Protein backbone atom coordinates (compact mmCIF):
# COMPACT_ATOMS: atom_id res chain seq x y z
CA MET A 1 90.98 -79.33 -108.88
CA PHE A 2 91.69 -78.69 -105.48
CA ASN A 3 94.85 -76.64 -105.64
CA ASN A 4 96.09 -74.23 -108.14
CA PHE A 5 99.35 -73.98 -109.03
CA LEU A 6 101.39 -70.86 -109.45
CA LEU A 7 105.00 -70.49 -110.88
CA ASP A 8 106.30 -67.02 -111.36
CA GLY A 9 102.75 -65.76 -111.06
CA MET A 10 101.17 -67.69 -113.81
CA ASP A 11 99.08 -70.95 -114.18
CA ASN A 12 101.46 -74.05 -114.10
CA ASN A 13 98.48 -76.92 -113.37
CA ALA A 14 98.87 -79.83 -115.76
CA ASP A 15 95.74 -79.17 -117.50
CA GLY A 16 94.28 -83.15 -118.46
CA GLU A 17 91.16 -84.95 -118.62
CA SER A 18 92.73 -88.00 -116.86
CA ASN A 19 96.53 -86.63 -115.84
CA GLN A 20 98.53 -88.75 -118.07
CA GLY A 21 101.59 -86.13 -117.15
CA PHE A 22 101.42 -87.99 -113.58
CA ASP A 23 101.44 -84.87 -111.97
CA ASN A 24 99.73 -81.62 -111.13
CA LYS A 25 102.16 -79.44 -112.27
CA ILE A 26 103.15 -78.70 -115.20
CA ILE A 27 107.11 -77.87 -114.23
CA ALA A 28 108.24 -79.58 -110.92
CA VAL A 29 111.23 -76.86 -109.76
CA PRO A 30 113.67 -78.45 -107.93
CA PRO A 31 113.56 -76.93 -103.96
CA ASP A 32 117.20 -75.39 -104.15
CA SER A 33 115.57 -73.47 -107.23
CA VAL A 34 113.03 -72.10 -105.42
CA ALA A 35 113.10 -68.54 -103.89
CA GLN A 36 109.96 -68.61 -102.66
CA PHE A 37 106.96 -70.57 -101.68
CA GLN A 38 103.79 -69.61 -100.03
CA VAL A 39 100.48 -72.06 -99.59
CA VAL A 40 97.13 -69.71 -99.65
CA THR A 41 94.13 -71.89 -98.02
CA ASN A 42 91.27 -70.59 -96.35
CA ASN A 43 90.09 -66.53 -97.50
CA GLU A 44 92.66 -66.01 -99.95
CA SER A 45 92.64 -62.36 -101.44
CA ALA A 46 90.81 -61.81 -104.41
CA GLU A 47 93.56 -61.91 -106.91
CA TYR A 48 93.50 -65.59 -106.12
CA GLY A 49 91.04 -67.99 -107.90
CA ARG A 50 89.88 -71.03 -109.72
CA SER A 51 90.00 -73.00 -106.85
CA SER A 52 90.03 -72.95 -102.55
CA GLY A 53 93.91 -73.43 -102.49
CA ALA A 54 97.03 -71.95 -103.96
CA THR A 55 100.32 -73.18 -103.90
CA ILE A 56 102.87 -70.44 -105.06
CA ASN A 57 106.39 -70.54 -106.21
CA VAL A 58 109.06 -68.47 -107.27
CA SER A 59 111.96 -69.53 -109.09
CA ASN A 60 115.30 -68.42 -108.27
CA SER A 61 117.63 -66.06 -110.29
CA GLY A 62 120.91 -65.03 -110.04
CA THR A 63 123.10 -62.54 -108.31
CA ASN A 64 126.28 -60.83 -109.01
CA ARG A 65 127.60 -63.10 -107.42
CA PHE A 66 128.58 -66.80 -108.52
CA HIS A 67 127.14 -70.02 -106.69
CA VAL A 68 127.08 -73.63 -107.08
CA THR A 69 124.98 -76.48 -105.59
CA ALA A 70 125.12 -79.98 -105.79
CA TYR A 71 122.75 -82.85 -104.22
CA GLU A 72 122.25 -86.53 -104.34
CA PHE A 73 119.53 -88.91 -102.76
CA ILE A 74 119.92 -92.34 -102.63
CA ARG A 75 117.38 -95.06 -101.54
CA ASN A 76 118.93 -98.95 -102.12
CA THR A 77 117.48 -102.36 -101.92
CA VAL A 78 120.84 -103.34 -99.61
CA LEU A 79 119.40 -100.08 -97.40
CA ASN A 80 115.99 -101.18 -96.64
CA ALA A 81 114.47 -103.59 -94.07
CA ALA A 82 112.59 -106.25 -94.80
CA GLY A 83 111.38 -106.85 -91.20
CA TYR A 84 111.28 -109.95 -88.48
CA PHE A 85 108.18 -111.35 -89.97
CA LYS A 86 108.43 -111.95 -93.67
CA PRO A 87 105.26 -113.02 -95.03
CA THR A 88 104.25 -115.30 -97.55
CA THR A 89 101.16 -116.39 -100.05
CA VAL A 90 99.74 -119.77 -99.67
CA GLY A 91 97.92 -120.74 -102.86
CA GLY A 92 94.75 -122.64 -103.34
CA THR A 93 96.26 -126.05 -103.46
CA GLY A 94 98.41 -125.34 -100.88
CA ASN A 95 101.79 -124.19 -102.37
CA VAL A 96 103.84 -121.71 -100.41
CA ILE A 97 105.18 -118.45 -101.98
CA PRO A 98 108.15 -117.30 -100.41
CA PHE A 99 108.82 -114.01 -99.44
CA GLN A 100 110.88 -112.22 -101.68
CA LYS A 101 112.40 -109.07 -101.08
CA PRO A 102 111.05 -106.67 -103.47
CA THR A 103 113.94 -104.33 -105.33
CA PHE A 104 113.76 -100.42 -104.83
CA ASN A 105 116.73 -98.62 -106.27
CA ARG A 106 116.61 -94.63 -106.80
CA ASN A 107 118.84 -91.92 -107.29
CA GLN A 108 117.79 -88.35 -107.39
CA PHE A 109 120.57 -85.92 -108.24
CA GLY A 110 121.34 -82.33 -109.28
CA VAL A 111 122.85 -79.49 -109.53
CA ASN A 112 122.35 -75.00 -109.87
CA PHE A 113 124.57 -72.32 -110.44
CA GLY A 114 123.71 -68.73 -111.10
CA GLY A 115 125.99 -65.89 -111.59
CA PRO A 116 126.27 -62.69 -113.40
CA ILE A 117 126.48 -62.22 -117.23
CA ILE A 118 126.60 -58.03 -117.14
CA ARG A 119 127.01 -57.14 -113.45
CA ASP A 120 124.40 -55.43 -111.97
CA HIS A 121 122.11 -55.94 -114.96
CA LEU A 122 121.81 -59.37 -116.83
CA PHE A 123 121.63 -62.41 -114.88
CA TYR A 124 121.32 -66.38 -115.44
CA PHE A 125 120.08 -69.13 -113.21
CA VAL A 126 120.37 -73.05 -114.24
CA ASP A 127 119.45 -76.05 -112.58
CA TYR A 128 119.20 -79.64 -113.83
CA GLU A 129 117.91 -82.59 -111.78
CA GLY A 130 117.72 -86.02 -113.03
CA PHE A 131 115.54 -89.37 -111.51
CA ARG A 132 116.56 -92.71 -111.86
CA GLN A 133 114.54 -95.18 -110.41
CA ILE A 134 114.57 -99.57 -110.59
CA LEU A 135 111.29 -101.46 -108.97
CA LYS A 136 110.69 -105.34 -108.68
CA PRO A 137 108.02 -105.58 -106.53
CA LEU A 138 106.35 -109.38 -106.31
CA SER A 139 103.35 -110.14 -107.82
CA VAL A 140 101.06 -113.52 -107.41
CA PHE A 141 99.06 -114.69 -110.55
CA THR A 142 96.60 -117.65 -111.14
CA LEU A 143 97.71 -119.15 -113.92
CA PRO A 144 96.15 -122.00 -115.62
CA THR A 145 97.41 -125.62 -114.68
CA LEU A 146 99.06 -127.71 -117.39
CA ASP A 147 96.32 -130.44 -117.06
CA GLU A 148 94.04 -127.36 -118.40
CA LEU A 149 95.70 -126.06 -120.82
CA ASN A 150 95.74 -130.09 -122.24
CA GLY A 151 91.76 -129.66 -121.67
CA LYS A 152 91.90 -132.11 -119.01
CA LEU A 153 89.44 -130.75 -116.89
CA VAL A 154 87.63 -131.83 -113.14
CA VAL A 155 83.86 -131.66 -114.55
CA PRO A 156 82.07 -132.73 -117.86
CA VAL A 157 81.74 -129.70 -119.92
CA ARG A 158 79.67 -128.96 -123.20
CA ASN A 159 80.76 -127.39 -126.37
CA PRO A 160 78.13 -124.32 -126.62
CA VAL A 161 78.74 -124.66 -130.32
CA THR A 162 78.46 -128.24 -131.24
CA GLY A 163 76.52 -129.33 -128.54
CA VAL A 164 79.16 -132.21 -127.73
CA THR A 165 79.66 -133.35 -124.04
CA TYR A 166 83.25 -134.21 -122.96
CA ALA A 167 83.80 -136.16 -119.67
CA ALA A 168 85.68 -135.12 -116.51
CA GLY A 169 89.29 -136.29 -116.93
CA THR A 170 89.62 -136.91 -120.45
CA PRO A 171 91.69 -134.49 -122.35
CA ILE A 172 89.47 -132.46 -124.64
CA PRO A 173 90.60 -133.49 -128.74
CA ALA A 174 92.50 -130.48 -129.76
CA SER A 175 90.19 -130.31 -133.46
CA ALA A 176 87.54 -129.16 -130.71
CA ILE A 177 89.97 -126.59 -129.22
CA ASN A 178 89.10 -122.92 -130.61
CA PRO A 179 92.23 -121.86 -132.87
CA ILE A 180 93.05 -118.71 -131.46
CA SER A 181 92.66 -120.32 -127.91
CA THR A 182 95.24 -122.88 -129.29
CA GLN A 183 97.49 -120.20 -129.98
CA ILE A 184 97.30 -118.56 -126.79
CA ILE A 185 97.39 -122.18 -124.86
CA SER A 186 100.97 -122.60 -126.67
CA PHE A 187 102.83 -119.07 -125.34
CA PHE A 188 101.43 -120.35 -121.51
CA ARG A 189 103.01 -123.34 -122.13
CA GLN A 190 106.23 -121.72 -122.03
CA ILE A 191 106.17 -120.76 -118.52
CA PRO A 192 107.99 -122.84 -116.35
CA GLY A 193 106.91 -123.94 -113.21
CA LEU A 194 103.00 -124.16 -113.54
CA PRO A 195 101.37 -126.71 -111.64
CA GLN A 196 100.23 -129.88 -112.97
CA SER A 197 96.41 -129.45 -111.89
CA GLY A 198 94.48 -127.63 -109.16
CA LEU A 199 91.82 -128.36 -106.78
CA PRO A 200 89.34 -131.90 -107.68
CA SER A 201 86.38 -129.28 -107.36
CA THR A 202 87.05 -126.23 -109.23
CA GLY A 203 90.48 -127.42 -111.11
CA LEU A 204 91.73 -124.05 -110.04
CA ALA A 205 95.23 -123.71 -108.90
CA SER A 206 95.02 -120.47 -106.80
CA ASN A 207 98.17 -117.91 -106.74
CA ASP A 208 100.31 -120.65 -108.56
CA TYR A 209 102.98 -118.70 -110.16
CA SER A 210 104.90 -115.46 -108.86
CA LYS A 211 107.42 -113.10 -110.45
CA GLN A 212 109.27 -109.98 -109.49
CA VAL A 213 107.82 -107.72 -112.28
CA PRO A 214 110.22 -104.88 -113.02
CA PHE A 215 109.67 -101.14 -113.77
CA THR A 216 112.26 -98.74 -114.26
CA ASP A 217 111.36 -94.93 -114.16
CA ASN A 218 113.96 -92.32 -115.72
CA SER A 219 113.48 -88.55 -116.44
CA ASP A 220 115.25 -85.47 -116.90
CA LYS A 221 114.40 -82.26 -116.27
CA GLY A 222 116.00 -78.36 -116.26
CA ASP A 223 115.25 -74.92 -115.94
CA LEU A 224 117.26 -71.74 -117.41
CA ARG A 225 116.26 -68.16 -116.43
CA LEU A 226 117.18 -64.86 -117.24
CA ASP A 227 116.95 -61.80 -115.71
CA TYR A 228 117.38 -58.41 -117.09
CA GLN A 229 117.49 -55.17 -114.59
CA GLN A 230 117.56 -52.00 -117.48
CA ASN A 231 117.62 -49.15 -114.92
CA ALA A 232 115.85 -48.51 -111.11
CA ASN A 233 112.11 -49.08 -112.67
CA ASN A 234 112.18 -51.51 -115.70
CA SER A 235 113.08 -55.14 -115.06
CA TYR A 236 112.46 -58.48 -117.17
CA PHE A 237 113.10 -62.00 -116.80
CA LEU A 238 112.92 -65.62 -118.91
CA ARG A 239 112.63 -68.52 -117.59
CA ILE A 240 112.69 -71.51 -119.83
CA GLY A 241 111.52 -75.42 -118.49
CA ASP A 242 112.04 -78.72 -119.77
CA ARG A 243 111.13 -82.29 -118.65
CA LYS A 244 111.40 -85.10 -119.83
CA GLU A 245 110.27 -88.73 -118.12
CA THR A 246 109.87 -92.53 -119.77
CA GLY A 247 109.24 -95.31 -117.55
CA VAL A 248 108.35 -99.02 -118.44
CA ASN A 249 106.20 -101.53 -116.88
CA TYR A 250 107.78 -104.96 -118.30
CA PRO A 251 105.27 -107.88 -119.20
CA ALA A 252 103.71 -109.52 -115.85
CA LEU A 253 104.08 -112.55 -118.44
CA PRO A 254 105.83 -113.29 -121.64
CA LEU A 255 104.86 -111.18 -124.89
CA PRO A 256 102.24 -111.26 -126.04
CA LEU A 257 100.60 -112.97 -122.78
CA ASP A 258 101.56 -109.44 -121.63
CA GLY A 259 100.00 -109.29 -118.23
CA GLN A 260 97.90 -106.13 -119.26
CA ILE A 261 100.40 -103.85 -117.75
CA ASN A 262 101.23 -100.09 -118.82
CA GLY A 263 104.26 -100.43 -121.03
CA THR A 264 106.07 -97.49 -121.76
CA ILE A 265 104.80 -94.38 -120.21
CA ARG A 266 106.73 -90.95 -121.93
CA VAL A 267 106.12 -87.75 -120.76
CA LEU A 268 107.01 -84.45 -121.69
CA ASP A 269 106.79 -81.06 -119.87
CA GLN A 270 107.65 -77.94 -121.04
CA GLN A 271 106.97 -73.95 -120.46
CA ILE A 272 108.03 -70.70 -121.47
CA ALA A 273 107.47 -67.65 -118.85
CA LEU A 274 107.92 -63.98 -119.76
CA GLY A 275 107.81 -61.45 -117.36
CA TYR A 276 108.07 -57.38 -117.71
CA THR A 277 107.68 -55.20 -114.47
CA ARG A 278 107.70 -51.25 -114.25
CA LEU A 279 107.50 -48.95 -111.76
CA LEU A 280 105.23 -45.77 -112.37
CA GLY A 281 106.49 -43.57 -109.54
CA ALA A 282 107.11 -44.20 -106.02
CA ASN A 283 103.43 -45.78 -105.46
CA LYS A 284 102.30 -47.78 -108.64
CA VAL A 285 103.69 -50.77 -110.23
CA LEU A 286 102.01 -52.56 -113.55
CA ASP A 287 103.26 -55.92 -114.12
CA ALA A 288 102.94 -58.20 -117.20
CA ARG A 289 103.11 -61.97 -117.83
CA LEU A 290 103.03 -64.06 -120.56
CA GLY A 291 103.07 -68.07 -120.36
CA LEU A 292 103.35 -70.84 -122.97
CA SER A 293 102.94 -74.26 -121.65
CA ARG A 294 102.90 -78.03 -123.08
CA THR A 295 102.44 -81.69 -122.39
CA LYS A 296 102.84 -83.97 -124.44
CA ALA A 297 101.81 -87.88 -122.30
CA GLY A 298 100.70 -91.24 -122.32
CA LYS A 299 101.37 -95.19 -122.10
CA PHE A 300 101.93 -97.26 -125.18
CA SER A 301 101.67 -101.11 -124.79
CA LEU A 302 105.15 -103.33 -125.54
CA SER A 303 103.01 -105.51 -127.68
CA ILE A 304 102.25 -102.82 -130.26
CA GLY A 305 103.67 -104.43 -133.39
CA ASN A 306 103.92 -107.77 -131.43
CA ASN A 307 102.73 -110.14 -134.80
CA ALA A 308 103.34 -113.62 -132.89
CA ILE A 309 99.56 -114.06 -132.81
CA THR A 310 96.68 -114.04 -135.61
CA ILE A 311 93.48 -112.49 -134.88
CA PRO A 312 91.65 -111.81 -138.16
CA GLY A 313 89.36 -108.62 -137.99
CA LEU A 314 91.65 -106.62 -135.27
CA PRO A 315 92.79 -103.36 -136.32
CA GLN A 316 95.84 -102.74 -138.70
CA ASP A 317 96.79 -99.21 -137.81
CA PRO A 318 100.60 -99.86 -137.02
CA THR A 319 100.21 -97.23 -133.70
CA VAL A 320 97.32 -100.02 -132.10
CA SER A 321 97.60 -103.23 -133.46
CA GLY A 322 99.89 -106.26 -131.68
CA GLY A 323 99.46 -108.57 -129.45
CA LEU A 324 96.71 -110.46 -127.67
CA PRO A 325 93.51 -107.95 -126.71
CA SER A 326 92.69 -107.77 -123.60
CA THR A 327 91.19 -111.35 -122.12
CA SER A 328 90.00 -112.08 -118.53
CA ILE A 329 88.57 -115.48 -117.79
CA THR A 330 86.60 -115.78 -114.56
CA GLY A 331 88.74 -116.74 -111.54
CA PHE A 332 92.00 -116.42 -113.43
CA THR A 333 94.15 -113.72 -113.66
CA ALA A 334 93.83 -111.52 -116.94
CA PHE A 335 96.00 -111.31 -119.48
CA GLY A 336 96.67 -109.54 -122.87
CA ARG A 337 97.22 -106.03 -123.54
CA GLN A 338 95.92 -103.40 -121.16
CA SER A 339 92.10 -102.70 -122.61
CA THR A 340 92.57 -98.98 -122.12
CA ASN A 341 96.00 -98.98 -124.06
CA PRO A 342 97.19 -96.84 -126.13
CA GLN A 343 96.28 -93.89 -124.45
CA TRP A 344 97.28 -90.15 -124.55
CA GLN A 345 96.62 -86.31 -124.24
CA ASN A 346 98.31 -83.21 -125.49
CA PRO A 347 97.55 -80.16 -123.95
CA ALA A 348 99.01 -76.96 -124.15
CA LEU A 349 98.11 -73.68 -122.44
CA ILE A 350 98.98 -69.31 -123.23
CA ASP A 351 98.21 -67.59 -120.45
CA PRO A 352 98.77 -63.25 -120.87
CA LYS A 353 97.83 -61.79 -117.47
CA VAL A 354 98.55 -58.59 -116.22
CA ASN A 355 98.43 -57.13 -112.66
CA PHE A 356 98.36 -52.99 -111.26
CA THR A 357 99.15 -51.87 -107.57
CA TRP A 358 98.23 -48.37 -106.42
CA ILE A 359 99.55 -47.50 -103.07
CA LYS A 360 97.19 -44.71 -102.18
CA GLY A 361 97.30 -43.69 -98.21
CA LYS A 362 95.78 -45.83 -96.65
CA HIS A 363 94.69 -47.84 -99.23
CA SER A 364 96.63 -50.79 -101.15
CA LEU A 365 94.83 -51.43 -104.51
CA LYS A 366 95.38 -54.12 -107.17
CA PHE A 367 93.68 -54.16 -110.06
CA GLY A 368 94.43 -57.64 -112.37
CA TYR A 369 92.83 -59.32 -115.82
CA GLU A 370 94.12 -63.02 -117.24
CA TYR A 371 93.06 -64.78 -120.21
CA GLU A 372 93.21 -68.91 -120.73
CA HIS A 373 92.96 -70.88 -123.68
CA ILE A 374 94.04 -73.95 -123.81
CA TRP A 375 93.84 -77.03 -126.66
CA MET A 376 94.42 -80.51 -126.17
CA ALA A 377 94.04 -83.47 -128.48
CA VAL A 378 93.47 -86.69 -126.63
CA ASN A 379 93.09 -89.90 -127.52
CA ASP A 380 91.00 -92.01 -124.54
CA ASN A 381 88.68 -94.23 -126.79
CA ASN A 382 89.14 -98.10 -125.38
CA PRO A 383 89.69 -100.95 -125.97
CA LEU A 384 91.24 -99.59 -129.38
CA TYR A 385 92.76 -103.37 -130.13
CA GLY A 386 89.78 -105.30 -128.51
CA SER A 387 88.30 -106.89 -125.34
CA PHE A 388 87.34 -110.42 -124.73
CA SER A 389 85.69 -112.03 -121.23
CA TYR A 390 85.21 -115.43 -120.72
CA GLY A 391 82.56 -115.89 -117.85
CA GLY A 392 79.24 -117.18 -119.27
CA GLY A 393 79.49 -120.30 -118.13
CA TYR A 394 78.34 -121.50 -121.12
CA SER A 395 79.81 -124.61 -121.36
CA LEU A 396 78.66 -125.71 -118.08
CA CYS A 397 76.86 -129.64 -118.26
CA PRO A 398 72.94 -129.41 -118.30
CA ALA A 399 71.91 -131.52 -115.54
CA SER A 400 71.29 -135.07 -116.68
CA THR A 401 72.73 -135.09 -120.12
CA ILE A 402 74.45 -138.08 -120.46
CA VAL A 403 77.91 -138.01 -120.59
CA PRO A 404 79.49 -140.03 -123.67
CA GLY A 405 81.77 -143.06 -123.08
CA THR A 406 80.65 -142.98 -119.05
CA GLY A 407 77.29 -143.92 -118.94
CA THR A 408 76.80 -140.78 -116.30
CA VAL A 409 75.15 -138.09 -116.25
CA CYS A 410 76.33 -134.65 -115.30
CA PRO A 411 74.95 -133.52 -112.21
CA THR A 412 73.27 -130.33 -110.71
CA ALA A 413 75.86 -127.78 -109.93
CA SER A 414 77.23 -124.62 -110.77
CA ALA A 415 80.01 -122.94 -113.34
CA THR A 416 83.25 -123.72 -111.48
CA SER A 417 86.76 -122.22 -112.60
CA ASP A 418 87.18 -125.51 -115.06
CA ASN A 419 83.91 -124.52 -116.80
CA TYR A 420 84.66 -120.79 -117.93
CA TRP A 421 88.37 -122.28 -118.84
CA ALA A 422 86.59 -124.31 -121.08
CA ASP A 423 84.57 -121.47 -122.40
CA PHE A 424 87.74 -120.08 -123.38
CA LEU A 425 88.99 -123.12 -124.95
CA PHE A 426 85.90 -123.74 -126.73
CA GLY A 427 85.83 -119.66 -128.31
CA ALA A 428 82.32 -119.10 -126.19
CA THR A 429 82.69 -115.30 -124.78
CA ASN A 430 80.18 -113.52 -123.08
CA ASN A 431 81.33 -110.17 -123.96
CA TYR A 432 83.31 -108.68 -126.57
CA SER A 433 84.38 -104.85 -127.21
CA LEU A 434 86.82 -102.80 -129.44
CA ALA A 435 86.34 -99.01 -129.82
CA ASN A 436 87.34 -96.90 -133.07
CA LEU A 437 90.62 -95.21 -132.92
CA PHE A 438 89.47 -91.30 -133.13
CA VAL A 439 91.62 -88.60 -131.78
CA THR A 440 89.77 -85.43 -130.31
CA HIS A 441 90.66 -81.78 -130.57
CA LEU A 442 89.64 -80.17 -127.30
CA ARG A 443 89.05 -76.56 -126.60
CA GLN A 444 88.41 -73.96 -123.27
CA THR A 445 89.16 -70.67 -122.17
CA LEU A 446 89.15 -68.99 -119.29
CA GLN A 447 89.14 -65.51 -117.74
CA SER A 448 89.21 -63.88 -115.12
CA VAL A 449 89.28 -60.08 -113.83
CA TYR A 450 90.02 -58.81 -110.00
CA THR A 451 89.73 -55.97 -107.83
CA GLN A 452 91.09 -55.90 -104.37
CA ASP A 453 91.70 -53.07 -101.52
CA ASP A 454 94.21 -53.96 -98.43
CA TRP A 455 92.57 -51.20 -96.26
CA LYS A 456 94.58 -50.01 -92.97
CA VAL A 457 91.92 -48.36 -91.30
CA ILE A 458 93.73 -47.79 -87.85
CA PRO A 459 97.00 -49.26 -87.20
CA LYS A 460 95.59 -52.04 -85.63
CA LEU A 461 93.28 -52.93 -88.33
CA THR A 462 93.29 -53.96 -92.06
CA LEU A 463 90.29 -54.94 -93.46
CA ASN A 464 90.67 -56.94 -96.66
CA LEU A 465 88.21 -56.09 -99.78
CA GLY A 466 88.07 -57.48 -103.17
CA LEU A 467 85.75 -58.82 -105.66
CA ARG A 468 86.64 -61.30 -108.58
CA TRP A 469 85.06 -62.48 -111.70
CA GLU A 470 85.87 -65.73 -113.55
CA TYR A 471 84.47 -67.57 -116.62
CA GLY A 472 85.52 -71.22 -117.35
CA SER A 473 84.14 -72.65 -120.97
CA PRO A 474 82.74 -75.43 -121.68
CA TYR A 475 84.92 -78.15 -123.37
CA SER A 476 84.39 -77.72 -127.20
CA GLU A 477 85.64 -79.77 -129.87
CA GLN A 478 87.58 -78.21 -133.35
CA ASN A 479 85.63 -80.01 -135.75
CA ASN A 480 82.12 -79.93 -133.51
CA PHE A 481 81.83 -83.54 -132.70
CA ILE A 482 80.28 -83.43 -129.58
CA SER A 483 77.69 -85.72 -128.69
CA ASN A 484 75.43 -85.78 -125.04
CA PHE A 485 72.65 -87.89 -124.03
CA ASP A 486 69.22 -86.60 -123.74
CA PRO A 487 67.26 -87.94 -121.14
CA ALA A 488 63.92 -86.63 -121.87
CA SER A 489 63.79 -88.33 -125.57
CA GLN A 490 65.97 -91.25 -124.98
CA SER A 491 68.62 -89.89 -127.68
CA VAL A 492 71.81 -88.79 -128.47
CA LEU A 493 71.94 -85.25 -129.58
CA THR A 494 74.93 -83.79 -131.83
CA ILE A 495 76.00 -80.28 -132.08
CA THR A 496 75.19 -79.92 -136.42
CA PRO A 497 78.18 -77.73 -137.90
CA GLY A 498 77.91 -73.76 -137.90
CA ALA A 499 75.00 -74.42 -135.16
CA VAL A 500 77.11 -73.76 -132.23
CA SER A 501 75.59 -69.80 -131.81
CA GLY A 502 71.89 -71.01 -132.19
CA GLY A 503 72.58 -74.00 -130.01
CA GLN A 504 70.77 -76.42 -132.48
CA ARG A 505 70.53 -79.63 -131.77
CA ARG A 506 69.66 -82.54 -133.89
CA PRO A 507 69.31 -86.69 -133.28
CA CYS A 508 72.18 -88.06 -133.83
CA VAL A 509 71.83 -89.85 -137.33
CA GLU A 510 73.67 -92.94 -139.66
CA GLY A 511 77.37 -92.18 -139.81
CA MET A 512 77.97 -90.43 -136.28
CA ALA A 513 78.79 -92.34 -133.65
CA SER A 514 76.24 -93.38 -130.24
CA ALA A 515 77.14 -92.94 -127.15
CA THR A 516 74.99 -93.34 -123.83
CA SER A 517 75.67 -92.50 -120.04
CA THR A 518 74.85 -94.70 -117.26
CA THR A 519 74.78 -91.26 -114.93
CA PRO A 520 71.71 -90.07 -114.02
CA ALA A 521 73.35 -86.68 -115.62
CA PRO A 522 74.10 -86.35 -118.97
CA ALA A 523 77.72 -87.37 -119.77
CA LEU A 524 79.82 -85.10 -122.55
CA VAL A 525 81.76 -87.40 -125.09
CA THR A 526 82.97 -87.40 -128.53
CA SER A 527 82.27 -89.04 -131.84
CA SER A 528 83.89 -89.31 -135.22
CA PRO A 529 81.63 -88.76 -137.46
CA SER A 530 83.52 -91.25 -140.52
CA THR A 531 83.20 -94.17 -138.48
CA PRO A 532 80.58 -95.63 -136.00
CA ARG A 533 81.41 -96.80 -132.86
CA ARG A 534 79.61 -99.72 -131.89
CA PRO A 535 78.77 -101.16 -128.26
CA SER A 536 79.65 -104.63 -127.23
CA SER A 537 77.73 -107.25 -126.93
CA PRO A 538 77.08 -111.03 -125.88
CA GLN A 539 78.78 -113.09 -128.28
């Protein structure tokens, strides 16, 4: 974390292990609702910690006078210049994909108003901001040709399962094609405009299909702040913030082919802040605050619930199942579901803190303590619905193999795109992986205490002195489902329930998932004790 975002003096950082909130802040206050803005860098005082930079906002408050602000920001495709030289894309077979002006429509609008409820004592301030955006960028894909869909390839291929060799230019019999591949091919046939054939040397027709893929993003956020001035020495405030956002990344290819897109992105940010300030005489100030925040954010494939393709052995959980597993074939655009989808995390934070300021002679003393507790449910195992790769070139016909019906032999050559496509037709994947659906419940505690003194030694010299102590605990898991790879013993160690205080560890046993790290330092992973996660292996 390079910045520490504070709002009304309290933690406003978007906690999360992969930032599914799509923002660094929990509550992003509209600029017209900010009373004060400050950026603290370099040699900051002891009051600020956690990171080298701090961005501090103070939300606006009502006054004895009513005021209203309204605004609208518009960006529209018809107002965007395309430029004199319009780029085109040339495919591998010489086809030209003309320039298409990308759609970009954005509306950002809002209003805020404030005023008195009880004059001189109770005030309110309310703001709302809406965001509507439609994008349609041009995407270019490399999809199979009609010849490839018909099994008519430019090179002889051998079925690695049966050992049967098929001549170039002769359609592979439907009975020899894997049933799952047959289902997938039927959906590719529904895409209009695919070329008949590709390059005579490889069969590939790169950049042979284009589409403007829509993405919509709609959000609404608002804040309410109440300020109560009890008397000259006591004041209170309450602020409530809420933000809801839904983005939809529509399929690049017709379902269930999908195109490995994000699907629906949902974000919910909510925050409550309470503050109390008391003046103790003419030179002392006590400031106490409490913040409560939570985020629910994640992405969910639009293929979930789509049963157009039947593949045995895949998960049946309705929150995961549906569509086509992530599929990649060397040389072609990947299709099927996005392998990291669904993925979500729901962090929450409680943040009480207290500051005490004391002006004494030439010294401005300040002391403070802050406690933060974070709890977070995370689903970040992947691929939850499987992932297939076809890049082994297993259908490459061995040199000197006689091709039936031709009287010729297979040449000495390396695998081409049509060999990898043949691997797909025969169902000869070189890599397959599947992860378990497991929700991790992470916990973390942070504490900090500081003391500082701004000492005005002489009118032209002030010393800023301070001392700060911080502690951030490592992540723990609610049920102690934590494993770590020990490079010394080359084994996975897990925390035994009830053994946290003693630091006892034991090797991973049957029934506890295993995990490894490819990094020099051990990597923290979480695991489910009920269903082991098995590593992917070549098929």
